[in-house]
Amino acid sequence: MVKDKPIAKLSYEQALEELEKALESLEKGDRNLEETLALFERGKSLLNRCRDLLKQAELRVTELNTGDGKIKDLENDS
C-alpha cells in the first residue's frame, strides 16, 4: 500500500493520488481532530513532494532545450 511508503519514495503519480484521497477525506469532515491534523500534515508533505518532482522535471526539460527550439541529443552529446 502506498500509504506505507515514505513520501520521499513516492512517484509523482503515487503522491498525487494519495493527496487527492486525503483531500476527499478531509472534505468529508468525518475524522476526529487528531486524525484530521495528521492527514493535513501528510497532505502538505505530499503536496511538497509533487512540487519538488515537478520542479525536477521542469529543470530536466530546460536542460534538454538548447534555447533555439531544438532538443539536445543526450546520447551523442559529449
N, C-alpha and C. Protein backbone atom coordinates (compact mmCIF):
# COMPACT_ATOMS: atom_id res chain seq x y z
N MET A 1 0.84 -1.18 0.00
CA MET A 1 0.00 0.00 0.00
C MET A 1 0.88 1.25 0.00
N VAL A 2 0.48 2.26 -0.76
CA VAL A 2 1.27 3.47 -0.92
C VAL A 2 1.43 4.21 0.39
N LYS A 3 0.41 4.24 1.23
CA LYS A 3 0.48 5.00 2.49
C LYS A 3 1.58 4.47 3.40
N ASP A 4 2.02 3.25 3.19
CA ASP A 4 3.09 2.67 4.00
C ASP A 4 4.46 3.13 3.52
N LYS A 5 4.55 3.62 2.29
CA LYS A 5 5.83 4.07 1.74
C LYS A 5 6.16 5.47 2.26
N PRO A 6 7.43 5.70 2.52
CA PRO A 6 7.84 7.07 2.87
C PRO A 6 7.54 8.01 1.70
N ILE A 7 7.14 9.21 2.00
CA ILE A 7 6.77 10.16 0.95
C ILE A 7 7.90 10.38 -0.03
N ALA A 8 9.13 10.41 0.45
CA ALA A 8 10.28 10.64 -0.42
C ALA A 8 10.47 9.53 -1.46
N LYS A 9 9.85 8.39 -1.26
CA LYS A 9 9.99 7.26 -2.20
C LYS A 9 8.83 7.20 -3.21
N LEU A 10 7.82 8.06 -3.04
CA LEU A 10 6.66 8.02 -3.92
C LEU A 10 6.95 8.69 -5.25
N SER A 11 6.40 8.12 -6.30
CA SER A 11 6.45 8.76 -7.62
C SER A 11 5.46 9.93 -7.60
N TYR A 12 5.54 10.75 -8.62
CA TYR A 12 4.61 11.87 -8.72
C TYR A 12 3.16 11.37 -8.73
N GLU A 13 2.92 10.35 -9.53
CA GLU A 13 1.57 9.81 -9.66
C GLU A 13 1.05 9.23 -8.34
N GLN A 14 1.91 8.54 -7.63
CA GLN A 14 1.52 7.96 -6.34
C GLN A 14 1.21 9.06 -5.32
N ALA A 15 2.08 10.06 -5.26
CA ALA A 15 1.89 11.15 -4.31
C ALA A 15 0.62 11.93 -4.63
N LEU A 16 0.38 12.18 -5.90
CA LEU A 16 -0.81 12.92 -6.30
C LEU A 16 -2.08 12.14 -5.98
N GLU A 17 -2.07 10.85 -6.24
CA GLU A 17 -3.24 10.01 -5.94
C GLU A 17 -3.54 10.01 -4.44
N GLU A 18 -2.50 9.86 -3.64
CA GLU A 18 -2.71 9.86 -2.19
C GLU A 18 -3.19 11.23 -1.70
N LEU A 19 -2.64 12.29 -2.29
CA LEU A 19 -3.06 13.64 -1.93
C LEU A 19 -4.53 13.86 -2.26
N GLU A 20 -4.96 13.40 -3.41
CA GLU A 20 -6.37 13.54 -3.80
C GLU A 20 -7.28 12.79 -2.81
N LYS A 21 -6.87 11.60 -2.41
CA LYS A 21 -7.66 10.83 -1.45
C LYS A 21 -7.70 11.52 -0.09
N ALA A 22 -6.57 12.11 0.31
CA ALA A 22 -6.53 12.83 1.58
C ALA A 22 -7.46 14.02 1.55
N LEU A 23 -7.47 14.74 0.44
CA LEU A 23 -8.35 15.89 0.31
C LEU A 23 -9.82 15.48 0.38
N GLU A 24 -10.16 14.39 -0.30
CA GLU A 24 -11.54 13.88 -0.25
C GLU A 24 -11.94 13.56 1.19
N SER A 25 -11.03 12.91 1.90
CA SER A 25 -11.31 12.54 3.28
C SER A 25 -11.46 13.78 4.17
N LEU A 26 -10.60 14.76 3.97
CA LEU A 26 -10.70 16.00 4.75
C LEU A 26 -12.00 16.75 4.46
N GLU A 27 -12.41 16.73 3.20
CA GLU A 27 -13.64 17.42 2.82
C GLU A 27 -14.87 16.77 3.45
N LYS A 28 -14.82 15.47 3.67
CA LYS A 28 -15.95 14.78 4.29
C LYS A 28 -16.14 15.24 5.73
N GLY A 29 -15.03 15.52 6.41
CA GLY A 29 -15.09 16.02 7.77
C GLY A 29 -15.54 14.99 8.80
N ASP A 30 -15.32 13.71 8.51
CA ASP A 30 -15.79 12.66 9.41
C ASP A 30 -14.69 12.09 10.31
N ARG A 31 -13.57 12.77 10.42
CA ARG A 31 -12.46 12.30 11.26
C ARG A 31 -12.38 13.15 12.52
N ASN A 32 -11.76 12.58 13.55
CA ASN A 32 -11.58 13.37 14.77
C ASN A 32 -10.44 14.36 14.55
N LEU A 33 -10.23 15.22 15.51
CA LEU A 33 -9.26 16.31 15.36
C LEU A 33 -7.85 15.79 15.11
N GLU A 34 -7.41 14.81 15.89
CA GLU A 34 -6.04 14.28 15.74
C GLU A 34 -5.84 13.66 14.36
N GLU A 35 -6.82 12.88 13.90
CA GLU A 35 -6.72 12.26 12.57
C GLU A 35 -6.71 13.33 11.48
N THR A 36 -7.52 14.35 11.66
CA THR A 36 -7.59 15.43 10.68
C THR A 36 -6.25 16.16 10.60
N LEU A 37 -5.66 16.46 11.75
CA LEU A 37 -4.36 17.15 11.75
C LEU A 37 -3.27 16.29 11.12
N ALA A 38 -3.27 15.00 11.43
CA ALA A 38 -2.27 14.10 10.86
C ALA A 38 -2.44 14.00 9.35
N LEU A 39 -3.68 13.91 8.89
CA LEU A 39 -3.95 13.82 7.47
C LEU A 39 -3.58 15.12 6.76
N PHE A 40 -3.86 16.24 7.40
CA PHE A 40 -3.49 17.54 6.84
C PHE A 40 -1.97 17.66 6.72
N GLU A 41 -1.27 17.22 7.76
CA GLU A 41 0.20 17.28 7.75
C GLU A 41 0.77 16.41 6.63
N ARG A 42 0.24 15.20 6.50
CA ARG A 42 0.72 14.31 5.42
C ARG A 42 0.37 14.91 4.06
N GLY A 43 -0.79 15.52 3.97
CA GLY A 43 -1.18 16.16 2.72
C GLY A 43 -0.23 17.27 2.32
N LYS A 44 0.20 18.06 3.29
CA LYS A 44 1.18 19.12 2.99
C LYS A 44 2.50 18.53 2.50
N SER A 45 2.91 17.44 3.10
CA SER A 45 4.14 16.77 2.68
C SER A 45 3.99 16.19 1.28
N LEU A 46 2.84 15.63 1.00
CA LEU A 46 2.57 15.08 -0.34
C LEU A 46 2.58 16.19 -1.38
N LEU A 47 1.99 17.33 -1.04
CA LEU A 47 1.98 18.47 -1.95
C LEU A 47 3.40 18.94 -2.23
N ASN A 48 4.22 19.02 -1.20
CA ASN A 48 5.62 19.42 -1.38
C ASN A 48 6.37 18.42 -2.25
N ARG A 49 6.08 17.14 -2.08
CA ARG A 49 6.71 16.10 -2.92
C ARG A 49 6.33 16.30 -4.38
N CYS A 50 5.06 16.53 -4.63
CA CYS A 50 4.61 16.76 -6.01
C CYS A 50 5.29 17.99 -6.61
N ARG A 51 5.35 19.05 -5.84
CA ARG A 51 6.01 20.28 -6.32
C ARG A 51 7.48 20.04 -6.62
N ASP A 52 8.16 19.32 -5.74
CA ASP A 52 9.59 19.04 -5.95
C ASP A 52 9.80 18.22 -7.22
N LEU A 53 8.97 17.21 -7.41
CA LEU A 53 9.11 16.36 -8.60
C LEU A 53 8.81 17.14 -9.88
N LEU A 54 7.83 18.02 -9.82
CA LEU A 54 7.53 18.85 -11.00
C LEU A 54 8.67 19.81 -11.29
N LYS A 55 9.26 20.36 -10.24
CA LYS A 55 10.39 21.27 -10.43
C LYS A 55 11.59 20.53 -11.06
N GLN A 56 11.83 19.30 -10.59
CA GLN A 56 12.90 18.49 -11.17
C GLN A 56 12.64 18.21 -12.64
N ALA A 57 11.40 17.90 -12.97
CA ALA A 57 11.05 17.63 -14.37
C ALA A 57 11.24 18.89 -15.21
N GLU A 58 10.83 20.03 -14.67
CA GLU A 58 10.99 21.29 -15.39
C GLU A 58 12.47 21.58 -15.65
N LEU A 59 13.32 21.34 -14.65
CA LEU A 59 14.76 21.56 -14.82
C LEU A 59 15.34 20.63 -15.89
N ARG A 60 14.88 19.40 -15.91
CA ARG A 60 15.35 18.45 -16.93
C ARG A 60 14.96 18.92 -18.33
N VAL A 61 13.74 19.40 -18.48
CA VAL A 61 13.28 19.89 -19.79
C VAL A 61 14.10 21.12 -20.18
N THR A 62 14.35 21.99 -19.23
CA THR A 62 15.15 23.19 -19.51
C THR A 62 16.56 22.80 -19.94
N GLU A 63 17.15 21.81 -19.27
CA GLU A 63 18.48 21.36 -19.64
C GLU A 63 18.51 20.75 -21.04
N LEU A 64 17.45 20.06 -21.41
CA LEU A 64 17.38 19.44 -22.73
C LEU A 64 17.17 20.45 -23.84
N ASN A 65 16.52 21.54 -23.51
CA ASN A 65 16.23 22.55 -24.51
C ASN A 65 17.44 23.46 -24.67
N THR A 66 17.95 23.57 -25.88
CA THR A 66 19.16 24.36 -26.12
C THR A 66 18.88 25.84 -26.23
N GLY A 67 17.62 26.24 -26.26
CA GLY A 67 17.29 27.64 -26.38
C GLY A 67 16.95 28.04 -27.81
N ASP A 68 17.30 27.20 -28.78
CA ASP A 68 16.98 27.52 -30.18
C ASP A 68 15.80 26.70 -30.69
N GLY A 69 15.08 26.10 -29.76
CA GLY A 69 13.90 25.32 -30.14
C GLY A 69 14.21 23.89 -30.47
N LYS A 70 15.48 23.52 -30.45
CA LYS A 70 15.88 22.14 -30.77
C LYS A 70 16.16 21.40 -29.46
N ILE A 71 15.94 20.13 -29.48
CA ILE A 71 16.19 19.28 -28.33
C ILE A 71 17.59 18.67 -28.46
N LYS A 72 18.36 18.71 -27.39
CA LYS A 72 19.69 18.12 -27.40
C LYS A 72 19.58 16.61 -27.47
N ASP A 73 20.47 15.99 -28.19
CA ASP A 73 20.56 14.53 -28.23
C ASP A 73 21.56 14.13 -27.15
N LEU A 74 21.06 13.70 -26.00
CA LEU A 74 21.94 13.41 -24.87
C LEU A 74 22.82 12.20 -25.13
N GLU A 75 22.39 11.27 -25.96
CA GLU A 75 23.20 10.08 -26.25
C GLU A 75 24.45 10.43 -27.04
N ASN A 76 24.36 11.43 -27.90
CA ASN A 76 25.51 11.83 -28.73
C ASN A 76 26.16 13.10 -28.25
N ASP A 77 25.69 13.65 -27.14
CA ASP A 77 26.23 14.89 -26.59
C ASP A 77 27.39 14.56 -25.66
N SER A 78 28.56 15.10 -25.93
CA SER A 78 29.73 14.81 -25.09
C SER A 78 30.02 15.95 -24.16
